[in-house]
C-alpha atoms as a PDB file:
ATOM      1  CA  UNK A   1      19.230 -63.072 -28.764  1.00  0.00           C
ATOM      2  CA  UNK A   2      21.009 -61.769 -25.645  1.00  0.00           C
ATOM      3  CA  UNK A   3      19.770 -58.244 -24.904  1.00  0.00           C
ATOM      4  CA  UNK A   4      22.476 -57.312 -22.387  1.00  0.00           C
ATOM      5  CA  UNK A   5      23.720 -53.766 -22.862  1.00  0.00           C
ATOM      6  CA  UNK A   6      27.377 -53.811 -24.010  1.00  0.00           C
ATOM      7  CA  UNK A   7      27.942 -50.214 -22.821  1.00  0.00           C
ATOM      8  CA  UNK A   8      29.753 -51.096 -19.547  1.00  0.00           C
ATOM      9  CA  UNK A   9      32.159 -53.382 -21.397  1.00  0.00           C
ATOM     10  CA  UNK A  10      32.778 -50.892 -24.197  1.00  0.00           C
ATOM     11  CA  UNK A  11      33.351 -48.133 -21.647  1.00  0.00           C
ATOM     12  CA  UNK A  12      35.959 -50.217 -19.818  1.00  0.00           C
ATOM     13  CA  UNK A  13      37.716 -51.091 -23.072  1.00  0.00           C
ATOM     14  CA  UNK A  14      38.200 -47.363 -23.618  1.00  0.00           C
ATOM     15  CA  UNK A  15      38.836 -46.388 -19.986  1.00  0.00           C
ATOM     16  CA  UNK A  16      42.623 -46.822 -20.003  1.00  0.00           C
ATOM     17  CA  UNK A  17      42.820 -44.887 -23.280  1.00  0.00           C
ATOM     18  CA  UNK A  18      41.187 -41.866 -21.660  1.00  0.00           C
ATOM     19  CA  UNK A  19      43.597 -42.032 -18.741  1.00  0.00           C
ATOM     20  CA  UNK A  20      46.580 -42.370 -21.058  1.00  0.00           C
ATOM     21  CA  UNK A  21      45.507 -39.314 -23.073  1.00  0.00           C
ATOM     22  CA  UNK A  22      45.642 -37.201 -19.919  1.00  0.00           C
ATOM     23  CA  UNK A  23      48.901 -38.812 -18.782  1.00  0.00           C
ATOM     24  CA  UNK A  24      50.521 -38.150 -22.175  1.00  0.00           C
ATOM     25  CA  UNK A  25      49.319 -34.546 -22.376  1.00  0.00           C
ATOM     26  CA  UNK A  26      50.721 -33.840 -18.901  1.00  0.00           C
ATOM     27  CA  UNK A  27      53.994 -35.615 -19.666  1.00  0.00           C
ATOM     28  CA  UNK A  28      54.443 -33.732 -22.944  1.00  0.00           C
ATOM     29  CA  UNK A  29      53.862 -30.388 -21.234  1.00  0.00           C
ATOM     30  CA  UNK A  30      50.708 -29.510 -23.173  1.00  0.00           C
ATOM     31  CA  UNK A  31      48.813 -27.962 -20.261  1.00  0.00           C
ATOM     32  CA  UNK A  32      51.874 -26.123 -18.930  1.00  0.00           C
ATOM     33  CA  UNK A  33      52.459 -24.420 -22.282  1.00  0.00           C
ATOM     34  CA  UNK A  34      48.808 -23.590 -22.954  1.00  0.00           C
ATOM     35  CA  UNK A  35      48.450 -22.083 -19.485  1.00  0.00           C
ATOM     36  CA  UNK A  36      50.792 -19.310 -20.594  1.00  0.00           C
ATOM     37  CA  UNK A  37      50.150 -19.169 -24.346  1.00  0.00           C
ATOM     38  CA  UNK A  38      46.875 -20.456 -25.851  1.00  0.00           C
ATOM     39  CA  UNK A  39      47.904 -21.799 -29.263  1.00  0.00           C
ATOM     40  CA  UNK A  40      46.907 -23.581 -32.426  1.00  0.00           C
ATOM     41  CA  UNK A  41      48.252 -27.077 -32.874  1.00  0.00           C
ATOM     42  CA  UNK A  42      50.975 -25.998 -35.322  1.00  0.00           C
ATOM     43  CA  UNK A  43      52.464 -23.459 -32.900  1.00  0.00           C
ATOM     44  CA  UNK A  44      52.173 -25.851 -29.978  1.00  0.00           C
ATOM     45  CA  UNK A  45      53.786 -28.682 -31.933  1.00  0.00           C
ATOM     46  CA  UNK A  46      56.709 -26.451 -32.892  1.00  0.00           C
ATOM     47  CA  UNK A  47      57.169 -25.325 -29.285  1.00  0.00           C
ATOM     48  CA  UNK A  48      57.083 -28.855 -27.860  1.00  0.00           C
ATOM     49  CA  UNK A  49      58.946 -30.630 -30.655  1.00  0.00           C
ATOM     50  CA  UNK A  50      55.973 -32.737 -31.736  1.00  0.00           C
ATOM     51  CA  UNK A  51      54.264 -33.652 -35.003  1.00  0.00           C
ATOM     52  CA  UNK A  52      51.278 -31.338 -35.699  1.00  0.00           C
ATOM     53  CA  UNK A  53      48.701 -33.868 -36.903  1.00  0.00           C
ATOM     54  CA  UNK A  54      49.086 -36.439 -34.091  1.00  0.00           C
ATOM     55  CA  UNK A  55      49.160 -33.593 -31.582  1.00  0.00           C
ATOM     56  CA  UNK A  56      45.891 -32.221 -32.969  1.00  0.00           C
ATOM     57  CA  UNK A  57      44.306 -35.633 -32.439  1.00  0.00           C
ATOM     58  CA  UNK A  58      45.499 -35.656 -28.811  1.00  0.00           C
ATOM     59  CA  UNK A  59      44.281 -32.095 -28.256  1.00  0.00           C
ATOM     60  CA  UNK A  60      40.843 -32.793 -29.693  1.00  0.00           C
ATOM     61  CA  UNK A  61      40.402 -35.757 -27.345  1.00  0.00           C
ATOM     62  CA  UNK A  62      41.384 -33.476 -24.439  1.00  0.00           C
ATOM     63  CA  UNK A  63      38.653 -31.084 -25.597  1.00  0.00           C
ATOM     64  CA  UNK A  64      36.077 -33.876 -25.514  1.00  0.00           C
ATOM     65  CA  UNK A  65      37.382 -34.933 -22.088  1.00  0.00           C
ATOM     66  CA  UNK A  66      36.695 -31.330 -20.977  1.00  0.00           C
ATOM     67  CA  UNK A  67      40.330 -30.658 -20.140  1.00  0.00           C
ATOM     68  CA  UNK A  68      40.804 -28.159 -22.993  1.00  0.00           C
ATOM     69  CA  UNK A  69      38.532 -25.873 -24.995  1.00  0.00           C
ATOM     70  CA  UNK A  70      38.981 -24.845 -28.620  1.00  0.00           C
ATOM     71  CA  UNK A  71      38.007 -21.500 -30.057  1.00  0.00           C
ATOM     72  CA  UNK A  72      38.335 -21.778 -33.835  1.00  0.00           C
ATOM     73  CA  UNK A  73      41.827 -23.306 -34.050  1.00  0.00           C
ATOM     74  CA  UNK A  74      43.198 -22.056 -30.725  1.00  0.00           C
ATOM     75  CA  UNK A  75      43.373 -24.393 -27.750  1.00  0.00           C
ATOM     76  CA  UNK A  76      43.410 -23.271 -24.122  1.00  0.00           C
ATOM     77  CA  UNK A  77      43.078 -24.886 -20.718  1.00  0.00           C
ATOM     78  CA  UNK A  78      39.785 -25.431 -19.008  1.00  0.00           C
ATOM     79  CA  UNK A  79      39.824 -24.363 -15.309  1.00  0.00           C
ATOM     80  CA  UNK A  80      40.196 -27.972 -14.176  1.00  0.00           C
ATOM     81  CA  UNK A  81      43.394 -28.293 -16.203  1.00  0.00           C
ATOM     82  CA  UNK A  82      44.744 -24.965 -14.937  1.00  0.00           C
ATOM     83  CA  UNK A  83      44.135 -26.108 -11.358  1.00  0.00           C
ATOM     84  CA  UNK A  84      45.228 -29.745 -11.412  1.00  0.00           C
ATOM     85  CA  UNK A  85      47.226 -30.415 -14.595  1.00  0.00           C
ATOM     86  CA  UNK A  86      49.806 -27.610 -14.564  1.00  0.00           C
ATOM     87  CA  UNK A  87      53.042 -27.935 -12.645  1.00  0.00           C
ATOM     88  CA  UNK A  88      52.838 -24.286 -11.589  1.00  0.00           C
ATOM     89  CA  UNK A  89      49.541 -24.703  -9.703  1.00  0.00           C
ATOM     90  CA  UNK A  90      49.603 -24.984  -5.909  1.00  0.00           C
ATOM     91  CA  UNK A  91      46.928 -27.690  -6.234  1.00  0.00           C
ATOM     92  CA  UNK A  92      48.671 -29.559  -9.035  1.00  0.00           C
ATOM     93  CA  UNK A  93      48.209 -33.320  -9.362  1.00  0.00           C
ATOM     94  CA  UNK A  94      50.884 -33.595 -12.043  1.00  0.00           C
ATOM     95  CA  UNK A  95      53.286 -35.415  -9.728  1.00  0.00           C
ATOM     96  CA  UNK A  96      50.782 -38.182  -9.081  1.00  0.00           C
ATOM     97  CA  UNK A  97      49.859 -38.284 -12.764  1.00  0.00           C
ATOM     98  CA  UNK A  98      53.506 -38.639 -13.831  1.00  0.00           C
ATOM     99  CA  UNK A  99      54.045 -41.295 -11.151  1.00  0.00           C
ATOM    100  CA  UNK A 100      50.944 -43.099 -12.433  1.00  0.00           C
ATOM    101  CA  UNK A 101      52.192 -42.856 -16.023  1.00  0.00           C
ATOM    102  CA  UNK A 102      55.801 -43.867 -15.399  1.00  0.00           C
ATOM    103  CA  UNK A 103      55.397 -46.380 -12.563  1.00  0.00           C
ATOM    104  CA  UNK A 104      51.854 -47.524 -11.801  1.00  0.00           C
ATOM    105  CA  UNK A 105      50.789 -47.937 -15.431  1.00  0.00           C
ATOM    106  CA  UNK A 106      53.684 -50.382 -15.889  1.00  0.00           C
ATOM    107  CA  UNK A 107      53.026 -52.266 -12.637  1.00  0.00           C
ATOM    108  CA  UNK A 108      49.320 -52.637 -13.424  1.00  0.00           C
ATOM    109  CA  UNK A 109      50.246 -54.242 -16.746  1.00  0.00           C
ATOM    110  CA  UNK A 110      51.120 -57.317 -14.668  1.00  0.00           C
ATOM    111  CA  UNK A 111      48.042 -57.364 -12.424  1.00  0.00           C
ATOM    112  CA  UNK A 112      47.304 -60.955 -13.468  1.00  0.00           C
ATOM    113  CA  UNK A 113      50.659 -62.073 -12.054  1.00  0.00           C
ATOM    114  CA  UNK A 114      50.009 -60.210  -8.791  1.00  0.00           C
ATOM    115  CA  UNK A 115      46.650 -61.961  -8.439  1.00  0.00           C
ATOM    116  CA  UNK A 116      48.261 -65.349  -9.164  1.00  0.00           C
ATOM    117  CA  UNK A 117      51.192 -64.868  -6.791  1.00  0.00           C
ATOM    118  CA  UNK A 118      49.947 -62.315  -4.265  1.00  0.00           C
ATOM    119  CA  UNK A 119      53.106 -60.226  -4.563  1.00  0.00           C
ATOM    120  CA  UNK A 120      54.051 -56.796  -5.976  1.00  0.00           C
ATOM    121  CA  UNK A 121      55.608 -56.385  -9.418  1.00  0.00           C
ATOM    122  CA  UNK A 122      58.712 -54.232  -8.765  1.00  0.00           C
ATOM    123  CA  UNK A 123      61.175 -57.008  -9.592  1.00  0.00           C
ATOM    124  CA  UNK A 124      59.255 -58.063 -12.705  1.00  0.00           C
ATOM    125  CA  UNK A 125      58.916 -54.532 -14.110  1.00  0.00           C
ATOM    126  CA  UNK A 126      61.958 -52.642 -12.854  1.00  0.00           C
ATOM    127  CA  UNK A 127      64.361 -55.441 -11.887  1.00  0.00           C
ATOM    128  CA  UNK A 128      64.514 -54.004  -8.379  1.00  0.00           C
ATOM    129  CA  UNK A 129      64.154 -55.538  -4.929  1.00  0.00           C
ATOM    130  CA  UNK A 130      64.287 -53.884  -1.539  1.00  0.00           C
ATOM    131  CA  UNK A 131      62.014 -51.515   0.363  1.00  0.00           C
ATOM    132  CA  UNK A 132      59.367 -49.909  -1.805  1.00  0.00           C
ATOM    133  CA  UNK A 133      60.466 -46.367  -1.010  1.00  0.00           C
ATOM    134  CA  UNK A 134      63.946 -47.157  -2.298  1.00  0.00           C
ATOM    135  CA  UNK A 135      62.235 -47.448  -5.686  1.00  0.00           C
ATOM    136  CA  UNK A 136      60.227 -44.233  -5.308  1.00  0.00           C
ATOM    137  CA  UNK A 137      63.442 -42.410  -4.403  1.00  0.00           C
ATOM    138  CA  UNK A 138      65.761 -44.117  -6.899  1.00  0.00           C
ATOM    139  CA  UNK A 139      66.652 -40.763  -8.502  1.00  0.00           C
ATOM    140  CA  UNK A 140      66.218 -37.131  -7.453  1.00  0.00           C
ATOM    141  CA  UNK A 141      63.657 -36.635 -10.216  1.00  0.00           C
ATOM    142  CA  UNK A 142      61.678 -39.732  -9.184  1.00  0.00           C
ATOM    143  CA  UNK A 143      61.677 -38.555  -5.570  1.00  0.00           C
ATOM    144  CA  UNK A 144      60.449 -35.083  -6.463  1.00  0.00           C
ATOM    145  CA  UNK A 145      57.725 -36.439  -8.764  1.00  0.00           C
ATOM    146  CA  UNK A 146      56.497 -38.889  -6.115  1.00  0.00           C
ATOM    147  CA  UNK A 147      56.445 -36.327  -3.295  1.00  0.00           C
ATOM    148  CA  UNK A 148      54.800 -33.698  -5.492  1.00  0.00           C
ATOM    149  CA  UNK A 149      52.167 -36.258  -6.396  1.00  0.00           C
ATOM    150  CA  UNK A 150      51.501 -37.173  -2.769  1.00  0.00           C
ATOM    151  CA  UNK A 151      51.317 -33.468  -1.901  1.00  0.00           C
ATOM    152  CA  UNK A 152      48.691 -32.653  -4.540  1.00  0.00           C
ATOM    153  CA  UNK A 153      46.666 -35.697  -3.539  1.00  0.00           C
ATOM    154  CA  UNK A 154      47.020 -34.789   0.128  1.00  0.00           C
ATOM    155  CA  UNK A 155      45.690 -31.269  -0.398  1.00  0.00           C
ATOM    156  CA  UNK A 156      42.399 -32.819  -1.523  1.00  0.00           C
ATOM    157  CA  UNK A 157      42.064 -34.990   1.603  1.00  0.00           C
ATOM    158  CA  UNK A 158      43.945 -33.587   4.594  1.00  0.00           C
ATOM    159  CA  UNK A 159      41.533 -30.721   5.456  1.00  0.00           C
ATOM    160  CA  UNK A 160      38.619 -33.188   5.564  1.00  0.00           C
ATOM    161  CA  UNK A 161      40.606 -35.724   7.591  1.00  0.00           C
ATOM    162  CA  UNK A 162      41.538 -33.271  10.359  1.00  0.00           C
ATOM    163  CA  UNK A 163      37.930 -32.041  10.492  1.00  0.00           C
ATOM    164  CA  UNK A 164      36.530 -35.557  10.924  1.00  0.00           C
ATOM    165  CA  UNK A 165      37.151 -35.673  14.702  1.00  0.00           C
ATOM    166  CA  UNK A 166      37.616 -33.069  17.434  1.00  0.00           C
ATOM    167  CA  UNK A 167      41.376 -32.807  17.946  1.00  0.00           C
ATOM    168  CA  UNK A 168      41.303 -29.624  20.030  1.00  0.00           C
ATOM    169  CA  UNK A 169      42.452 -31.423  23.209  1.00  0.00           C
ATOM    170  CA  UNK A 170      45.846 -32.274  21.706  1.00  0.00           C
ATOM    171  CA  UNK A 171      48.912 -30.050  21.819  1.00  0.00           C
ATOM    172  CA  UNK A 172      51.582 -31.821  19.742  1.00  0.00           C
ATOM    173  CA  UNK A 173      50.937 -33.986  16.700  1.00  0.00           C
ATOM    174  CA  UNK A 174      53.639 -36.073  15.062  1.00  0.00           C
ATOM    175  CA  UNK A 175      52.829 -36.990  11.474  1.00  0.00           C
ATOM    176  CA  UNK A 176      54.696 -40.227  10.788  1.00  0.00           C
ATOM    177  CA  UNK A 177      55.713 -40.559   7.163  1.00  0.00           C
ATOM    178  CA  UNK A 178      54.240 -37.093   6.738  1.00  0.00           C
ATOM    179  CA  UNK A 179      55.925 -36.343   3.412  1.00  0.00           C
ATOM    180  CA  UNK A 180      55.467 -32.715   2.433  1.00  0.00           C
ATOM    181  CA  UNK A 181      53.541 -31.950   5.620  1.00  0.00           C
ATOM    182  CA  UNK A 182      50.085 -31.373   4.123  1.00  0.00           C
ATOM    183  CA  UNK A 183      48.316 -33.215   6.966  1.00  0.00           C
ATOM    184  CA  UNK A 184      50.325 -31.446   9.688  1.00  0.00           C
ATOM    185  CA  UNK A 185      49.718 -28.066   8.060  1.00  0.00           C
ATOM    186  CA  UNK A 186      45.979 -28.724   7.708  1.00  0.00           C
ATOM    187  CA  UNK A 187      45.769 -29.689  11.387  1.00  0.00           C
ATOM    188  CA  UNK A 188      47.663 -26.595  12.547  1.00  0.00           C
ATOM    189  CA  UNK A 189      45.556 -24.337  10.339  1.00  0.00           C
ATOM    190  CA  UNK A 190      42.400 -25.741  11.947  1.00  0.00           C
ATOM    191  CA  UNK A 191      43.683 -25.877  15.535  1.00  0.00           C
ATOM    192  CA  UNK A 192      45.621 -22.708  16.450  1.00  0.00           C
ATOM    193  CA  UNK A 193      47.016 -24.174  19.714  1.00  0.00           C
ATOM    194  CA  UNK A 194      48.484 -27.242  18.010  1.00  0.00           C
ATOM    195  CA  UNK A 195      52.172 -27.812  17.268  1.00  0.00           C
ATOM    196  CA  UNK A 196      53.204 -30.481  14.766  1.00  0.00           C
ATOM    197  CA  UNK A 197      56.280 -32.390  13.650  1.00  0.00           C
ATOM    198  CA  UNK A 198      56.636 -34.127  10.305  1.00  0.00           C
ATOM    199  CA  UNK A 199      58.701 -37.287  10.841  1.00  0.00           C
ATOM    200  CA  UNK A 200      59.965 -38.894   7.648  1.00  0.00           C
ATOM    201  CA  UNK A 201      63.020 -40.314   5.915  1.00  0.00           C
ATOM    202  CA  UNK A 202      65.972 -37.919   5.527  1.00  0.00           C
ATOM    203  CA  UNK A 203      65.587 -37.799   1.742  1.00  0.00           C
ATOM    204  CA  UNK A 204      61.995 -36.628   2.183  1.00  0.00           C
ATOM    205  CA  UNK A 205      62.860 -34.019   4.789  1.00  0.00           C
ATOM    206  CA  UNK A 206      65.173 -32.342   2.266  1.00  0.00           C
ATOM    207  CA  UNK A 207      62.106 -31.394   0.210  1.00  0.00           C
ATOM    208  CA  UNK A 208      59.393 -31.050   2.857  1.00  0.00           C
ATOM    209  CA  UNK A 209      60.380 -27.681   4.271  1.00  0.00           C
ATOM    210  CA  UNK A 210      59.687 -25.786   1.037  1.00  0.00           C
ATOM    211  CA  UNK A 211      56.128 -27.142   0.970  1.00  0.00           C
ATOM    212  CA  UNK A 212      55.472 -26.450   4.653  1.00  0.00           C
ATOM    213  CA  UNK A 213      56.647 -22.835   4.400  1.00  0.00           C
ATOM    214  CA  UNK A 214      53.890 -22.100   1.875  1.00  0.00           C
ATOM    215  CA  UNK A 215      51.389 -21.921   4.755  1.00  0.00           C
ATOM    216  CA  UNK A 216      51.734 -18.544   6.477  1.00  0.00           C
ATOM    217  CA  UNK A 217      49.299 -19.681   9.148  1.00  0.00           C
ATOM    218  CA  UNK A 218      50.946 -22.963  10.130  1.00  0.00           C
ATOM    219  CA  UNK A 219      54.571 -22.981   8.992  1.00  0.00           C
ATOM    220  CA  UNK A 220      55.933 -21.502  12.250  1.00  0.00           C
ATOM    221  CA  UNK A 221      54.267 -24.344  14.199  1.00  0.00           C
ATOM    222  CA  UNK A 222      55.303 -27.272  11.975  1.00  0.00           C
ATOM    223  CA  UNK A 223      58.765 -28.747  12.467  1.00  0.00           C
ATOM    224  CA  UNK A 224      60.614 -31.520  10.650  1.00  0.00           C
ATOM    225  CA  UNK A 225      62.478 -34.523  12.079  1.00  0.00           C
ATOM    226  CA  UNK A 226      64.304 -37.216  10.107  1.00  0.00           C
ATOM    227  CA  UNK A 227      64.039 -40.890  10.900  1.00  0.00           C
ATOM    228  CA  UNK A 228      62.629 -44.312  10.129  1.00  0.00           C
ATOM    229  CA  UNK A 229      59.420 -44.929  12.067  1.00  0.00           C
ATOM    230  CA  UNK A 230      60.079 -48.686  12.214  1.00  0.00           C
ATOM    231  CA  UNK A 231      63.533 -48.429  13.807  1.00  0.00           C
ATOM    232  CA  UNK A 232      64.280 -44.938  15.183  1.00  0.00           C
ATOM    233  CA  UNK A 233      63.010 -43.324  18.376  1.00  0.00           C
ATOM    234  CA  UNK A 234      59.710 -41.558  17.781  1.00  0.00           C
ATOM    235  CA  UNK A 235      59.321 -37.921  18.902  1.00  0.00           C
ATOM    236  CA  UNK A 236      57.167 -37.230  21.930  1.00  0.00           C
ATOM    237  CA  UNK A 237      53.566 -36.364  21.123  1.00  0.00           C
ATOM    238  CA  UNK A 238      50.044 -36.691  22.459  1.00  0.00           C
ATOM    239  CA  UNK A 239      48.705 -37.323  18.937  1.00  0.00           C
ATOM    240  CA  UNK A 240      50.246 -39.410  16.180  1.00  0.00           C
ATOM    241  CA  UNK A 241      49.006 -39.243  12.588  1.00  0.00           C
ATOM    242  CA  UNK A 242      49.464 -41.789   9.814  1.00  0.00           C
ATOM    243  CA  UNK A 243      48.395 -40.673   6.345  1.00  0.00           C
ATOM    244  CA  UNK A 244      48.480 -43.357   3.642  1.00  0.00           C
ATOM    245  CA  UNK A 245      50.976 -45.360   5.687  1.00  0.00           C
ATOM    246  CA  UNK A 246      49.298 -48.480   7.040  1.00  0.00           C
ATOM    247  CA  UNK A 247      47.987 -49.593   3.657  1.00  0.00           C
ATOM    248  CA  UNK A 248      51.580 -49.966   2.422  1.00  0.00           C
ATOM    249  CA  UNK A 249      52.703 -52.653   4.858  1.00  0.00           C
ATOM    250  CA  UNK A 250      52.165 -56.239   5.996  1.00  0.00           C
ATOM    251  CA  UNK A 251      50.136 -56.870   9.141  1.00  0.00           C
ATOM    252  CA  UNK A 252      53.315 -57.860  10.994  1.00  0.00           C
ATOM    253  CA  UNK A 253      54.883 -54.467  10.272  1.00  0.00           C
ATOM    254  CA  UNK A 254      51.625 -52.645  11.070  1.00  0.00           C
ATOM    255  CA  UNK A 255      51.456 -54.340  14.481  1.00  0.00           C
ATOM    256  CA  UNK A 256      55.079 -53.374  15.124  1.00  0.00           C
ATOM    257  CA  UNK A 257      54.429 -49.728  14.244  1.00  0.00           C
ATOM    258  CA  UNK A 258      51.177 -49.459  16.213  1.00  0.00           C
ATOM    259  CA  UNK A 259      52.851 -51.005  19.261  1.00  0.00           C
ATOM    260  CA  UNK A 260      55.650 -48.437  19.053  1.00  0.00           C
ATOM    261  CA  UNK A 261      53.137 -45.595  18.822  1.00  0.00           C
ATOM    262  CA  UNK A 262      51.081 -46.934  21.728  1.00  0.00           C
ATOM    263  CA  UNK A 263      54.168 -47.170  23.932  1.00  0.00           C
ATOM    264  CA  UNK A 264      55.225 -43.624  23.037  1.00  0.00           C
ATOM    265  CA  UNK A 265      51.816 -42.016  23.668  1.00  0.00           C
ATOM    266  CA  UNK A 266      50.784 -40.770  27.108  1.00  0.00           C
ATOM    267  CA  UNK A 267      47.519 -42.000  28.590  1.00  0.00           C
ATOM    268  CA  UNK A 268      44.687 -40.285  26.760  1.00  0.00           C
ATOM    269  CA  UNK A 269      46.834 -39.790  23.679  1.00  0.00           C
ATOM    270  CA  UNK A 270      45.363 -40.277  20.239  1.00  0.00           C
ATOM    271  CA  UNK A 271      46.071 -41.740  16.831  1.00  0.00           C
ATOM    272  CA  UNK A 272      44.604 -40.373  13.593  1.00  0.00           C
ATOM    273  CA  UNK A 273      44.752 -42.528  10.470  1.00  0.00           C
ATOM    274  CA  UNK A 274      43.993 -41.338   6.941  1.00  0.00           C
ATOM    275  CA  UNK A 275      43.197 -44.172   4.525  1.00  0.00           C
ATOM    276  CA  UNK A 276      40.481 -45.245   2.124  1.00  0.00           C
ATOM    277  CA  UNK A 277      37.830 -47.225   4.003  1.00  0.00           C
ATOM    278  CA  UNK A 278      36.140 -50.202   2.400  1.00  0.00           C
ATOM    279  CA  UNK A 279      32.491 -50.935   3.120  1.00  0.00           C
ATOM    280  CA  UNK A 280      32.144 -53.673   5.727  1.00  0.00           C
ATOM    281  CA  UNK A 281      31.037 -56.212   3.106  1.00  0.00           C
ATOM    282  CA  UNK A 282      33.825 -54.939   0.780  1.00  0.00           C
ATOM    283  CA  UNK A 283      31.232 -54.119  -1.882  1.00  0.00           C
ATOM    284  CA  UNK A 284      32.821 -50.705  -2.427  1.00  0.00           C
ATOM    285  CA  UNK A 285      33.515 -47.896  -2.787  1.00  0.00           C
ATOM    286  CA  UNK A 286      35.073 -48.663  -6.160  1.00  0.00           C
ATOM    287  CA  UNK A 287      37.915 -46.216  -5.514  1.00  0.00           C
ATOM    288  CA  UNK A 288      38.882 -48.124  -2.356  1.00  0.00           C
ATOM    289  CA  UNK A 289      38.650 -51.468  -4.152  1.00  0.00           C
ATOM    290  CA  UNK A 290      40.887 -50.196  -6.948  1.00  0.00           C
ATOM    291  CA  UNK A 291      43.344 -48.765  -4.438  1.00  0.00           C
ATOM    292  CA  UNK A 292      43.529 -52.165  -2.772  1.00  0.00           C
ATOM    293  CA  UNK A 293      44.523 -53.678  -6.119  1.00  0.00           C
ATOM    294  CA  UNK A 294      47.023 -50.846  -6.495  1.00  0.00           C
ATOM    295  CA  UNK A 295      48.561 -51.867  -3.168  1.00  0.00           C
ATOM    296  CA  UNK A 296      48.719 -55.435  -4.445  1.00  0.00           C
ATOM    297  CA  UNK A 297      50.839 -54.549  -7.475  1.00  0.00           C
ATOM    298  CA  UNK A 298      53.192 -52.147  -5.708  1.00  0.00           C
ATOM    299  CA  UNK A 299      53.341 -52.835  -1.930  1.00  0.00           C
ATOM    300  CA  UNK A 300      52.910 -55.445   0.794  1.00  0.00           C
ATOM    301  CA  UNK A 301      49.581 -53.971   1.856  1.00  0.00           C
ATOM    302  CA  UNK A 302      45.888 -53.452   1.105  1.00  0.00           C
ATOM    303  CA  UNK A 303      42.876 -51.318   2.016  1.00  0.00           C
ATOM    304  CA  UNK A 304      40.654 -52.299   4.964  1.00  0.00           C
ATOM    305  CA  UNK A 305      37.233 -51.912   6.521  1.00  0.00           C
ATOM    306  CA  UNK A 306      36.693 -50.012   9.763  1.00  0.00           C
ATOM    307  CA  UNK A 307      36.186 -53.328  11.596  1.00  0.00           C
ATOM    308  CA  UNK A 308      39.572 -54.500  10.319  1.00  0.00           C
ATOM    309  CA  UNK A 309      41.243 -51.274  11.452  1.00  0.00           C
ATOM    310  CA  UNK A 310      39.473 -51.549  14.806  1.00  0.00           C
ATOM    311  CA  UNK A 311      40.933 -55.022  15.331  1.00  0.00           C
ATOM    312  CA  UNK A 312      44.447 -53.865  14.439  1.00  0.00           C
ATOM    313  CA  UNK A 313      44.179 -50.955  16.860  1.00  0.00           C
ATOM    314  CA  UNK A 314      42.506 -52.834  19.705  1.00  0.00           C
ATOM    315  CA  UNK A 315      45.018 -55.682  19.409  1.00  0.00           C
ATOM    316  CA  UNK A 316      47.677 -53.063  20.191  1.00  0.00           C
ATOM    317  CA  UNK A 317      45.875 -51.554  23.170  1.00  0.00           C
ATOM    318  CA  UNK A 318      43.895 -48.707  21.597  1.00  0.00           C
ATOM    319  CA  UNK A 319      40.238 -48.073  22.445  1.00  0.00           C
ATOM    320  CA  UNK A 320      37.282 -45.943  21.353  1.00  0.00           C
ATOM    321  CA  UNK A 321      38.029 -46.643  17.700  1.00  0.00           C
ATOM    322  CA  UNK A 322      35.855 -44.629  15.313  1.00  0.00           C
ATOM    323  CA  UNK A 323      35.859 -44.065  11.568  1.00  0.00           C
ATOM    324  CA  UNK A 324      34.276 -41.620   9.175  1.00  0.00           C
ATOM    325  CA  UNK A 325      33.851 -41.490   5.422  1.00  0.00           C
ATOM    326  CA  UNK A 326      34.950 -37.932   4.625  1.00  0.00           C
ATOM    327  CA  UNK A 327      33.811 -37.562   1.023  1.00  0.00           C
ATOM    328  CA  UNK A 328      37.443 -36.830   0.114  1.00  0.00           C
ATOM    329  CA  UNK A 329      39.884 -39.288  -1.471  1.00  0.00           C
ATOM    330  CA  UNK A 330      40.916 -40.425   2.042  1.00  0.00           C
ATOM    331  CA  UNK A 331      38.767 -41.273   5.046  1.00  0.00           C
ATOM    332  CA  UNK A 332      39.575 -40.972   8.752  1.00  0.00           C
ATOM    333  CA  UNK A 333      40.026 -43.421  11.647  1.00  0.00           C
ATOM    334  CA  UNK A 334      40.639 -42.246  15.218  1.00  0.00           C
ATOM    335  CA  UNK A 335      41.441 -44.044  18.470  1.00  0.00           C
ATOM    336  CA  UNK A 336      42.699 -43.295  21.983  1.00  0.00           C
ATOM    337  CA  UNK A 337      45.175 -44.828  24.385  1.00  0.00           C
ATOM    338  CA  UNK A 338      43.073 -45.509  27.500  1.00  0.00           C
END
């Protein structure tokens, strides 16, 4: 008889169920309500317009997932839920969770088709063509959820990314596609002589300022400029940053963007890239492998190894390419214009 342990298979059968429990609890507002009023399942069901018995089942799973705790019949948030699963938290990941629930969960349902065809699933799932960010920004609510999600995710990574290399020589950083400005703010908080500009689409800039102003230390040194980094003139800078940008696009578009940055930089200027790095043999990390599949179902792009990033950068004139695993959700790549 085969003695192979079925545990890894059984765990993966259940894995999406665990994720969906958290997604549903966030979407239903469970953690938001309990943050203010710890409650029994009857009171919570009445407040949220839900059925008590199914809600109790959901809550008890959240307890076993260590997101909630139960004292007799009263449920309340664990610290991890208060920090990351409540919309009111400065470190909230609810935007990314809602985006995962409403968009990515549906795209991943058709992973087999992406593997067969090598293309994203926007048309199949949402009946929509066009640039990917047109889909993220299809409504005001979708835009706010997406940007809030990227902001919460960025807060986990940006401080580590700007610490990965010595950037003290630079005076003006332009963060291309900088979203809510978390990378620019982190850089200015670390380097007191640095000025920064967040350069993003006009519909992003409408929201970015409110996030940037939350940093008393950096907000006066972080500006905002609207534009498309593929077609519009780039601001002057001696350091350009790209956080979760290159993995979205085809190699042709990446070469176009890197060439534009290289031309705009002065000699000795730098480029800082924040992405997940794959091991050179692509054996891991698992999070980077999964993110590469995520890019397959929803973009033109993929994750890369440092050698692959080095080739992209050197092909466009950059030198002294270095990379570091940061221990955060995103890693760091740095290069100079000779």
